[in-house]
């Protein structure tokens, strides 16, 4: 069955993309927290707190709690992935043309995001955070987040079609 892309208002694209991106951001945070528990002897908040320290200026030690750095880091990541979800929404015509499922394309999109934001960009923003963050965990989290964003976008769009 052929899939077609139907034009939508820009505001609808923004809302759908941002919502799907929030799901991807939550998946990213969960992956980071699971890996932190396994690799850092139970320090569940470490990596997300590193991102929060970009704005709070706090020094993150090996045993951090769920303080202001964690909350700011989680909010920062959710906003970042929400904006990236909007970007994925605007790639839908390409996704339909190539015949990929949105989750598969989202995973590929996650790799590209990791390359631009975390691999190249984080070292420019703050070298200290870049040296403390595990770049391969960020890659795994970005792939999962991209796939989750694509899956959520597919789910949101299929529910909208059922309502019509």
N, C-alpha and C. Protein backbone atom coordinates (compact mmCIF):
# COMPACT_ATOMS: atom_id res chain seq x y z
N UNK A 1 0.84 -1.16 0.00
CA UNK A 1 0.00 0.00 0.00
C UNK A 1 0.89 1.24 0.00
N UNK A 2 0.61 2.15 -0.88
CA UNK A 2 1.43 3.36 -0.99
C UNK A 2 1.10 4.33 0.13
N UNK A 3 2.14 4.93 0.66
CA UNK A 3 1.95 5.94 1.70
C UNK A 3 2.03 7.30 1.04
N UNK A 4 1.21 8.20 1.52
CA UNK A 4 1.25 9.55 0.98
C UNK A 4 1.48 10.53 2.12
N UNK A 5 2.05 11.63 1.75
CA UNK A 5 2.32 12.68 2.72
C UNK A 5 1.29 13.77 2.51
N UNK A 6 0.54 14.09 3.56
CA UNK A 6 -0.45 15.14 3.45
C UNK A 6 0.07 16.41 4.12
N UNK A 7 -0.14 17.52 3.46
CA UNK A 7 0.33 18.79 3.98
C UNK A 7 -0.45 19.17 5.23
N UNK A 8 0.26 19.77 6.18
CA UNK A 8 -0.35 20.21 7.43
C UNK A 8 0.06 21.65 7.69
N UNK A 9 -0.67 22.26 8.60
CA UNK A 9 -0.29 23.60 9.02
C UNK A 9 1.03 23.51 9.79
N UNK A 10 1.79 24.57 9.76
CA UNK A 10 3.09 24.58 10.44
C UNK A 10 2.92 24.40 11.95
N UNK A 11 1.86 24.96 12.52
CA UNK A 11 1.65 24.82 13.96
C UNK A 11 1.40 23.36 14.34
N UNK A 12 0.71 22.62 13.50
CA UNK A 12 0.47 21.20 13.75
C UNK A 12 1.77 20.42 13.69
N UNK A 13 2.62 20.76 12.72
CA UNK A 13 3.92 20.11 12.62
C UNK A 13 4.77 20.37 13.86
N UNK A 14 4.75 21.62 14.34
CA UNK A 14 5.53 21.96 15.52
C UNK A 14 5.07 21.18 16.74
N UNK A 15 3.77 21.11 16.94
CA UNK A 15 3.23 20.43 18.13
C UNK A 15 3.50 18.93 18.06
N UNK A 16 3.24 18.32 16.90
CA UNK A 16 3.49 16.88 16.76
C UNK A 16 4.97 16.56 16.92
N UNK A 17 5.83 17.34 16.28
CA UNK A 17 7.27 17.10 16.36
C UNK A 17 7.81 17.31 17.76
N UNK A 18 7.37 18.37 18.42
CA UNK A 18 7.87 18.65 19.78
C UNK A 18 7.41 17.56 20.74
N UNK A 19 6.17 17.12 20.61
CA UNK A 19 5.65 16.06 21.47
C UNK A 19 6.43 14.77 21.27
N UNK A 20 6.67 14.41 20.02
CA UNK A 20 7.45 13.20 19.74
C UNK A 20 8.88 13.36 20.24
N UNK A 21 9.44 14.56 20.12
CA UNK A 21 10.77 14.82 20.63
C UNK A 21 10.86 14.69 22.14
N UNK A 22 9.81 15.07 22.85
CA UNK A 22 9.79 14.89 24.30
C UNK A 22 9.86 13.41 24.68
N UNK A 23 9.18 12.57 23.91
CA UNK A 23 9.26 11.12 24.15
C UNK A 23 10.70 10.65 23.92
N UNK A 24 11.33 11.13 22.86
CA UNK A 24 12.73 10.79 22.60
C UNK A 24 13.66 11.30 23.69
N UNK A 25 13.40 12.50 24.19
CA UNK A 25 14.20 13.04 25.28
C UNK A 25 14.08 12.22 26.55
N UNK A 26 12.87 11.77 26.86
CA UNK A 26 12.68 10.89 28.01
C UNK A 26 13.43 9.58 27.83
N UNK A 27 13.38 9.04 26.61
CA UNK A 27 14.12 7.79 26.34
C UNK A 27 15.62 8.01 26.51
N UNK A 28 16.12 9.15 26.05
CA UNK A 28 17.54 9.48 26.20
C UNK A 28 17.94 9.55 27.66
N UNK A 29 17.14 10.24 28.46
CA UNK A 29 17.43 10.37 29.89
C UNK A 29 17.40 9.01 30.58
N UNK A 30 16.43 8.18 30.22
CA UNK A 30 16.34 6.84 30.83
C UNK A 30 17.56 6.00 30.48
N UNK A 31 18.00 6.05 29.22
CA UNK A 31 19.20 5.30 28.82
C UNK A 31 20.41 5.78 29.62
N UNK A 32 20.58 7.09 29.74
CA UNK A 32 21.71 7.62 30.50
C UNK A 32 21.66 7.18 31.96
N UNK A 33 20.48 7.20 32.53
CA UNK A 33 20.35 6.82 33.94
C UNK A 33 20.61 5.33 34.16
N UNK A 34 20.14 4.49 33.24
CA UNK A 34 20.39 3.05 33.35
C UNK A 34 21.88 2.76 33.24
N UNK A 35 22.54 3.38 32.28
CA UNK A 35 23.98 3.15 32.10
C UNK A 35 24.75 3.71 33.30
N UNK A 36 24.32 4.84 33.84
CA UNK A 36 24.98 5.38 35.03
C UNK A 36 24.87 4.43 36.21
N UNK A 37 23.73 3.79 36.38
CA UNK A 37 23.57 2.82 37.47
C UNK A 37 24.51 1.64 37.28
N UNK A 38 24.62 1.17 36.04
CA UNK A 38 25.44 -0.01 35.78
C UNK A 38 26.94 0.29 35.79
N UNK A 39 27.35 1.45 35.29
CA UNK A 39 28.77 1.74 35.15
C UNK A 39 29.35 2.58 36.29
N UNK A 40 28.52 3.29 37.01
CA UNK A 40 29.02 4.19 38.05
C UNK A 40 28.60 3.75 39.45
N UNK A 41 28.39 2.49 39.63
CA UNK A 41 28.07 1.91 40.95
C UNK A 41 26.88 2.61 41.61
N UNK A 42 25.82 2.78 40.85
CA UNK A 42 24.58 3.30 41.42
C UNK A 42 24.40 4.79 41.37
N UNK A 43 25.32 5.53 40.79
CA UNK A 43 25.19 6.98 40.69
C UNK A 43 24.30 7.32 39.50
N UNK A 44 23.00 7.30 39.73
CA UNK A 44 22.01 7.36 38.66
C UNK A 44 21.91 8.74 37.99
N UNK A 45 22.30 9.80 38.66
CA UNK A 45 22.07 11.14 38.16
C UNK A 45 23.29 11.79 37.51
N UNK A 46 24.39 11.08 37.36
CA UNK A 46 25.67 11.69 36.99
C UNK A 46 25.65 12.37 35.62
N UNK A 47 25.34 11.64 34.57
CA UNK A 47 25.48 12.19 33.22
C UNK A 47 24.47 13.30 32.96
N UNK A 48 23.24 13.14 33.40
CA UNK A 48 22.25 14.21 33.20
C UNK A 48 22.67 15.45 33.99
N UNK A 49 23.25 15.25 35.18
CA UNK A 49 23.75 16.39 35.97
C UNK A 49 24.91 17.09 35.27
N UNK A 50 25.70 16.35 34.51
CA UNK A 50 26.78 16.98 33.73
C UNK A 50 26.23 18.02 32.76
N UNK A 51 25.14 17.65 32.09
CA UNK A 51 24.54 18.61 31.15
C UNK A 51 23.95 19.80 31.89
N UNK A 52 23.40 19.57 33.07
CA UNK A 52 22.89 20.67 33.87
C UNK A 52 23.98 21.60 34.34
N UNK A 53 25.17 21.05 34.57
CA UNK A 53 26.28 21.88 35.04
C UNK A 53 26.74 22.88 33.98
N UNK A 54 26.33 22.69 32.73
CA UNK A 54 26.64 23.69 31.70
C UNK A 54 26.02 25.04 32.07
N UNK A 55 24.85 25.01 32.72
CA UNK A 55 24.16 26.25 33.08
C UNK A 55 24.29 26.61 34.55
N UNK A 56 24.37 25.61 35.40
CA UNK A 56 24.46 25.93 36.83
C UNK A 56 25.88 26.23 37.26
N UNK A 57 26.87 25.74 36.54
CA UNK A 57 28.26 25.97 36.88
C UNK A 57 28.74 25.10 38.03
N UNK A 58 27.91 24.17 38.47
CA UNK A 58 28.29 23.31 39.59
C UNK A 58 29.34 22.30 39.15
N UNK A 59 30.20 21.95 40.07
CA UNK A 59 31.18 20.90 39.83
C UNK A 59 30.54 19.57 40.16
N UNK A 60 30.54 18.66 39.20
CA UNK A 60 29.88 17.38 39.37
C UNK A 60 30.91 16.36 39.82
N UNK A 61 30.68 15.79 40.99
CA UNK A 61 31.59 14.76 41.49
C UNK A 61 31.04 13.39 41.14
N UNK A 62 31.70 12.38 41.61
CA UNK A 62 31.27 11.02 41.27
C UNK A 62 30.00 10.61 42.01
N UNK A 63 29.63 11.31 43.07
CA UNK A 63 28.40 10.97 43.78
C UNK A 63 27.51 12.20 43.84
N UNK A 64 26.63 12.31 42.87
CA UNK A 64 25.73 13.45 42.80
C UNK A 64 24.33 13.01 43.18
N UNK A 65 23.57 13.93 43.68
CA UNK A 65 22.17 13.68 43.98
C UNK A 65 21.30 14.34 42.93
N UNK A 66 20.01 14.18 43.11
CA UNK A 66 19.08 14.80 42.17
C UNK A 66 18.86 16.24 42.57
N UNK A 67 19.87 17.06 42.36
CA UNK A 67 19.81 18.47 42.73
C UNK A 67 19.44 19.34 41.54
N UNK A 68 19.82 20.60 41.65
CA UNK A 68 19.49 21.58 40.62
C UNK A 68 20.14 21.23 39.29
N UNK A 69 21.36 20.72 39.31
CA UNK A 69 22.03 20.36 38.06
C UNK A 69 21.28 19.26 37.32
N UNK A 70 20.75 18.30 38.06
CA UNK A 70 19.99 17.23 37.41
C UNK A 70 18.71 17.78 36.79
N UNK A 71 17.98 18.61 37.52
CA UNK A 71 16.73 19.16 37.00
C UNK A 71 16.96 20.06 35.78
N UNK A 72 18.00 20.88 35.85
CA UNK A 72 18.33 21.75 34.71
C UNK A 72 18.79 20.91 33.53
N UNK A 73 19.59 19.87 33.79
CA UNK A 73 20.05 18.99 32.72
C UNK A 73 18.91 18.24 32.07
N UNK A 74 17.97 17.74 32.86
CA UNK A 74 16.81 17.03 32.30
C UNK A 74 15.96 17.98 31.46
N UNK A 75 15.75 19.19 31.97
CA UNK A 75 14.97 20.18 31.22
C UNK A 75 15.68 20.56 29.92
N UNK A 76 17.00 20.75 29.99
CA UNK A 76 17.79 21.08 28.81
C UNK A 76 17.68 19.97 27.75
N UNK A 77 17.80 18.73 28.18
CA UNK A 77 17.73 17.61 27.24
C UNK A 77 16.33 17.46 26.65
N UNK A 78 15.30 17.66 27.45
CA UNK A 78 13.94 17.58 26.93
C UNK A 78 13.67 18.65 25.89
N UNK A 79 14.12 19.88 26.16
CA UNK A 79 13.94 20.96 25.18
C UNK A 79 14.74 20.67 23.92
N UNK A 80 15.99 20.21 24.08
CA UNK A 80 16.82 19.88 22.92
C UNK A 80 16.16 18.83 22.04
N UNK A 81 15.71 17.74 22.65
CA UNK A 81 15.10 16.68 21.86
C UNK A 81 13.72 17.07 21.34
N UNK A 82 13.03 17.95 22.04
CA UNK A 82 11.78 18.47 21.51
C UNK A 82 12.00 19.24 20.22
N UNK A 83 13.04 20.08 20.21
CA UNK A 83 13.38 20.82 18.99
C UNK A 83 13.85 19.88 17.88
N UNK A 84 14.59 18.84 18.26
CA UNK A 84 15.03 17.88 17.25
C UNK A 84 13.86 17.08 16.70
N UNK A 85 12.83 16.87 17.51
CA UNK A 85 11.62 16.21 17.04
C UNK A 85 10.90 17.05 15.98
N UNK A 86 10.93 18.37 16.16
CA UNK A 86 10.36 19.25 15.14
C UNK A 86 11.13 19.08 13.83
N UNK A 87 12.44 18.97 13.93
CA UNK A 87 13.25 18.75 12.73
C UNK A 87 12.90 17.44 12.05
N UNK A 88 12.67 16.39 12.82
CA UNK A 88 12.30 15.10 12.23
C UNK A 88 10.95 15.19 11.53
N UNK A 89 10.04 15.95 12.10
CA UNK A 89 8.72 16.14 11.48
C UNK A 89 8.85 16.74 10.08
N UNK A 90 9.80 17.65 9.90
CA UNK A 90 9.96 18.29 8.61
C UNK A 90 10.68 17.39 7.59
N UNK A 91 11.24 16.26 8.05
CA UNK A 91 11.85 15.30 7.13
C UNK A 91 10.86 14.24 6.64
N UNK A 92 9.60 14.34 7.03
CA UNK A 92 8.61 13.32 6.65
C UNK A 92 8.50 13.08 5.14
N UNK A 93 8.52 14.12 4.29
CA UNK A 93 8.46 13.82 2.85
C UNK A 93 9.61 12.93 2.38
N UNK A 94 10.80 13.12 2.94
CA UNK A 94 11.94 12.28 2.57
C UNK A 94 11.75 10.86 3.09
N UNK A 95 11.21 10.76 4.31
CA UNK A 95 10.97 9.43 4.89
C UNK A 95 10.00 8.66 4.02
N UNK A 96 8.92 9.31 3.59
CA UNK A 96 7.94 8.63 2.74
C UNK A 96 8.53 8.26 1.39
N UNK A 97 9.35 9.14 0.83
CA UNK A 97 9.95 8.87 -0.47
C UNK A 97 10.91 7.69 -0.41
N UNK A 98 11.68 7.58 0.68
CA UNK A 98 12.64 6.49 0.82
C UNK A 98 12.00 5.18 1.28
N UNK A 99 10.81 5.26 1.85
CA UNK A 99 10.12 4.05 2.28
C UNK A 99 10.55 3.51 3.64
N UNK A 100 11.27 4.31 4.44
CA UNK A 100 11.69 3.87 5.77
C UNK A 100 10.52 3.99 6.75
N UNK A 101 10.57 3.17 7.78
CA UNK A 101 9.67 3.38 8.91
C UNK A 101 10.22 4.57 9.70
N UNK A 102 9.33 5.30 10.34
CA UNK A 102 9.76 6.51 11.05
C UNK A 102 10.74 6.19 12.18
N UNK A 103 10.61 5.04 12.83
CA UNK A 103 11.53 4.68 13.92
C UNK A 103 12.93 4.39 13.38
N UNK A 104 13.01 3.72 12.23
CA UNK A 104 14.31 3.44 11.63
C UNK A 104 14.99 4.74 11.19
N UNK A 105 14.23 5.61 10.53
CA UNK A 105 14.79 6.89 10.11
C UNK A 105 15.16 7.72 11.34
N UNK A 106 14.36 7.62 12.40
CA UNK A 106 14.66 8.33 13.64
C UNK A 106 15.97 7.88 14.25
N UNK A 107 16.26 6.57 14.19
CA UNK A 107 17.53 6.07 14.70
C UNK A 107 18.70 6.62 13.89
N UNK A 108 18.54 6.68 12.58
CA UNK A 108 19.58 7.27 11.72
C UNK A 108 19.73 8.76 12.04
N UNK A 109 18.62 9.42 12.24
CA UNK A 109 18.61 10.84 12.63
C UNK A 109 19.31 11.02 13.98
N UNK A 110 19.11 10.07 14.89
CA UNK A 110 19.78 10.11 16.19
C UNK A 110 21.29 10.03 16.06
N UNK A 111 21.77 9.21 15.12
CA UNK A 111 23.22 9.12 14.89
C UNK A 111 23.76 10.47 14.38
N UNK A 112 23.03 11.08 13.47
CA UNK A 112 23.46 12.38 12.95
C UNK A 112 23.43 13.46 14.03
N UNK A 113 22.43 13.41 14.89
CA UNK A 113 22.35 14.36 15.99
C UNK A 113 23.51 14.16 16.95
N UNK A 114 23.81 12.90 17.27
CA UNK A 114 24.95 12.61 18.14
C UNK A 114 26.24 13.18 17.54
N UNK A 115 26.40 12.98 16.24
CA UNK A 115 27.61 13.44 15.58
C UNK A 115 27.74 14.96 15.67
N UNK A 116 26.65 15.67 15.41
CA UNK A 116 26.70 17.13 15.40
C UNK A 116 26.70 17.73 16.80
N UNK A 117 25.81 17.26 17.67
CA UNK A 117 25.63 17.91 18.96
C UNK A 117 26.63 17.41 19.99
N UNK A 118 26.72 16.11 20.15
CA UNK A 118 27.51 15.57 21.25
C UNK A 118 28.98 15.33 20.87
N UNK A 119 29.23 14.81 19.68
CA UNK A 119 30.60 14.48 19.30
C UNK A 119 31.40 15.74 18.97
N UNK A 120 30.84 16.60 18.11
CA UNK A 120 31.56 17.81 17.72
C UNK A 120 31.21 19.00 18.61
N UNK A 121 29.94 19.20 18.90
CA UNK A 121 29.49 20.41 19.58
C UNK A 121 29.81 20.50 21.05
N UNK A 122 29.74 19.38 21.77
CA UNK A 122 29.94 19.43 23.21
C UNK A 122 31.35 19.86 23.59
N UNK A 123 32.34 19.45 22.82
CA UNK A 123 33.71 19.86 23.09
C UNK A 123 33.92 21.35 22.90
N UNK A 124 33.18 21.95 22.00
CA UNK A 124 33.28 23.39 21.77
C UNK A 124 32.58 24.15 22.89
N UNK A 125 31.45 23.62 23.35
CA UNK A 125 30.67 24.30 24.39
C UNK A 125 31.40 24.27 25.73
N UNK A 126 31.81 23.07 26.14
CA UNK A 126 32.47 22.93 27.44
C UNK A 126 33.36 21.69 27.39
N UNK A 127 34.64 21.89 27.34
CA UNK A 127 35.60 20.78 27.22
C UNK A 127 35.58 19.88 28.45
N UNK A 128 35.34 20.44 29.62
CA UNK A 128 35.31 19.66 30.86
C UNK A 128 34.16 18.65 30.85
N UNK A 129 32.98 19.10 30.44
CA UNK A 129 31.82 18.19 30.36
C UNK A 129 32.06 17.15 29.28
N UNK A 130 32.64 17.55 28.16
CA UNK A 130 32.90 16.61 27.07
C UNK A 130 33.88 15.52 27.50
N UNK A 131 34.85 15.87 28.34
CA UNK A 131 35.82 14.87 28.76
C UNK A 131 35.25 13.93 29.81
N UNK A 132 34.25 14.36 30.57
CA UNK A 132 33.67 13.51 31.60
C UNK A 132 32.54 12.62 31.09
N UNK A 133 31.86 13.04 30.03
CA UNK A 133 30.74 12.26 29.49
C UNK A 133 31.28 11.12 28.63
N UNK A 134 30.65 9.98 28.74
CA UNK A 134 31.01 8.83 27.91
C UNK A 134 30.35 8.99 26.55
N UNK A 135 31.15 9.24 25.53
CA UNK A 135 30.65 9.56 24.21
C UNK A 135 29.88 8.40 23.58
N UNK A 136 30.23 7.16 23.93
CA UNK A 136 29.55 5.99 23.36
C UNK A 136 28.19 5.76 24.00
N UNK A 137 28.07 6.13 25.26
CA UNK A 137 26.76 6.07 25.91
C UNK A 137 25.84 7.12 25.30
N UNK A 138 26.41 8.29 24.99
CA UNK A 138 25.61 9.32 24.33
C UNK A 138 25.17 8.87 22.94
N UNK A 139 26.01 8.11 22.25
CA UNK A 139 25.62 7.56 20.95
C UNK A 139 24.47 6.59 21.10
N UNK A 140 24.58 5.66 22.04
CA UNK A 140 23.50 4.69 22.26
C UNK A 140 22.21 5.41 22.65
N UNK A 141 22.32 6.39 23.53
CA UNK A 141 21.15 7.15 23.93
C UNK A 141 20.53 7.92 22.78
N UNK A 142 21.37 8.46 21.90
CA UNK A 142 20.86 9.21 20.75
C UNK A 142 20.14 8.31 19.76
N UNK A 143 20.66 7.10 19.56
CA UNK A 143 19.99 6.15 18.67
C UNK A 143 18.63 5.75 19.23
N UNK A 144 18.60 5.43 20.53
CA UNK A 144 17.34 5.06 21.17
C UNK A 144 16.37 6.24 21.15
N UNK A 145 16.87 7.43 21.44
CA UNK A 145 16.02 8.62 21.44
C UNK A 145 15.46 8.92 20.05
N UNK A 146 16.29 8.77 19.02
CA UNK A 146 15.82 8.99 17.66
C UNK A 146 14.75 7.99 17.26
N UNK A 147 14.98 6.72 17.61
CA UNK A 147 13.98 5.69 17.31
C UNK A 147 12.69 5.94 18.08
N UNK A 148 12.81 6.35 19.34
CA UNK A 148 11.61 6.64 20.14
C UNK A 148 10.86 7.84 19.59
N UNK A 149 11.59 8.84 19.11
CA UNK A 149 10.96 10.01 18.51
C UNK A 149 10.21 9.61 17.24
N UNK A 150 10.84 8.80 16.40
CA UNK A 150 10.17 8.34 15.18
C UNK A 150 8.96 7.48 15.49
N UNK A 151 9.08 6.61 16.48
CA UNK A 151 7.95 5.77 16.87
C UNK A 151 6.81 6.62 17.40
N UNK A 152 7.13 7.60 18.25
CA UNK A 152 6.09 8.47 18.81
C UNK A 152 5.43 9.30 17.72
N UNK A 153 6.21 9.76 16.76
CA UNK A 153 5.67 10.53 15.65
C UNK A 153 4.72 9.67 14.83
N UNK A 154 5.10 8.42 14.60
CA UNK A 154 4.22 7.48 13.87
C UNK A 154 2.93 7.25 14.65
N UNK A 155 3.05 7.08 15.96
CA UNK A 155 1.88 6.85 16.80
C UNK A 155 0.96 8.07 16.82
N UNK A 156 1.54 9.26 16.95
CA UNK A 156 0.73 10.49 16.97
C UNK A 156 0.00 10.66 15.65
N UNK A 157 0.70 10.42 14.55
CA UNK A 157 0.09 10.62 13.23
C UNK A 157 -0.97 9.56 12.95
N UNK A 158 -0.77 8.32 13.40
CA UNK A 158 -1.77 7.29 13.15
C UNK A 158 -3.03 7.54 13.98
N UNK A 159 -2.88 8.08 15.17
CA UNK A 159 -4.05 8.42 15.99
C UNK A 159 -4.83 9.56 15.37
N UNK A 160 -4.15 10.51 14.77
CA UNK A 160 -4.84 11.63 14.13
C UNK A 160 -5.67 11.14 12.94
N UNK A 161 -5.15 10.13 12.20
CA UNK A 161 -5.88 9.60 11.06
C UNK A 161 -7.12 8.85 11.51
N UNK A 162 -7.05 8.16 12.66
CA UNK A 162 -8.21 7.43 13.18
C UNK A 162 -9.32 8.38 13.60
N UNK A 163 -8.95 9.54 14.12
CA UNK A 163 -9.95 10.50 14.59
C UNK A 163 -10.71 11.11 13.44
N UNK A 164 -10.07 11.31 12.31
CA UNK A 164 -10.70 11.98 11.16
C UNK A 164 -11.79 11.19 10.57
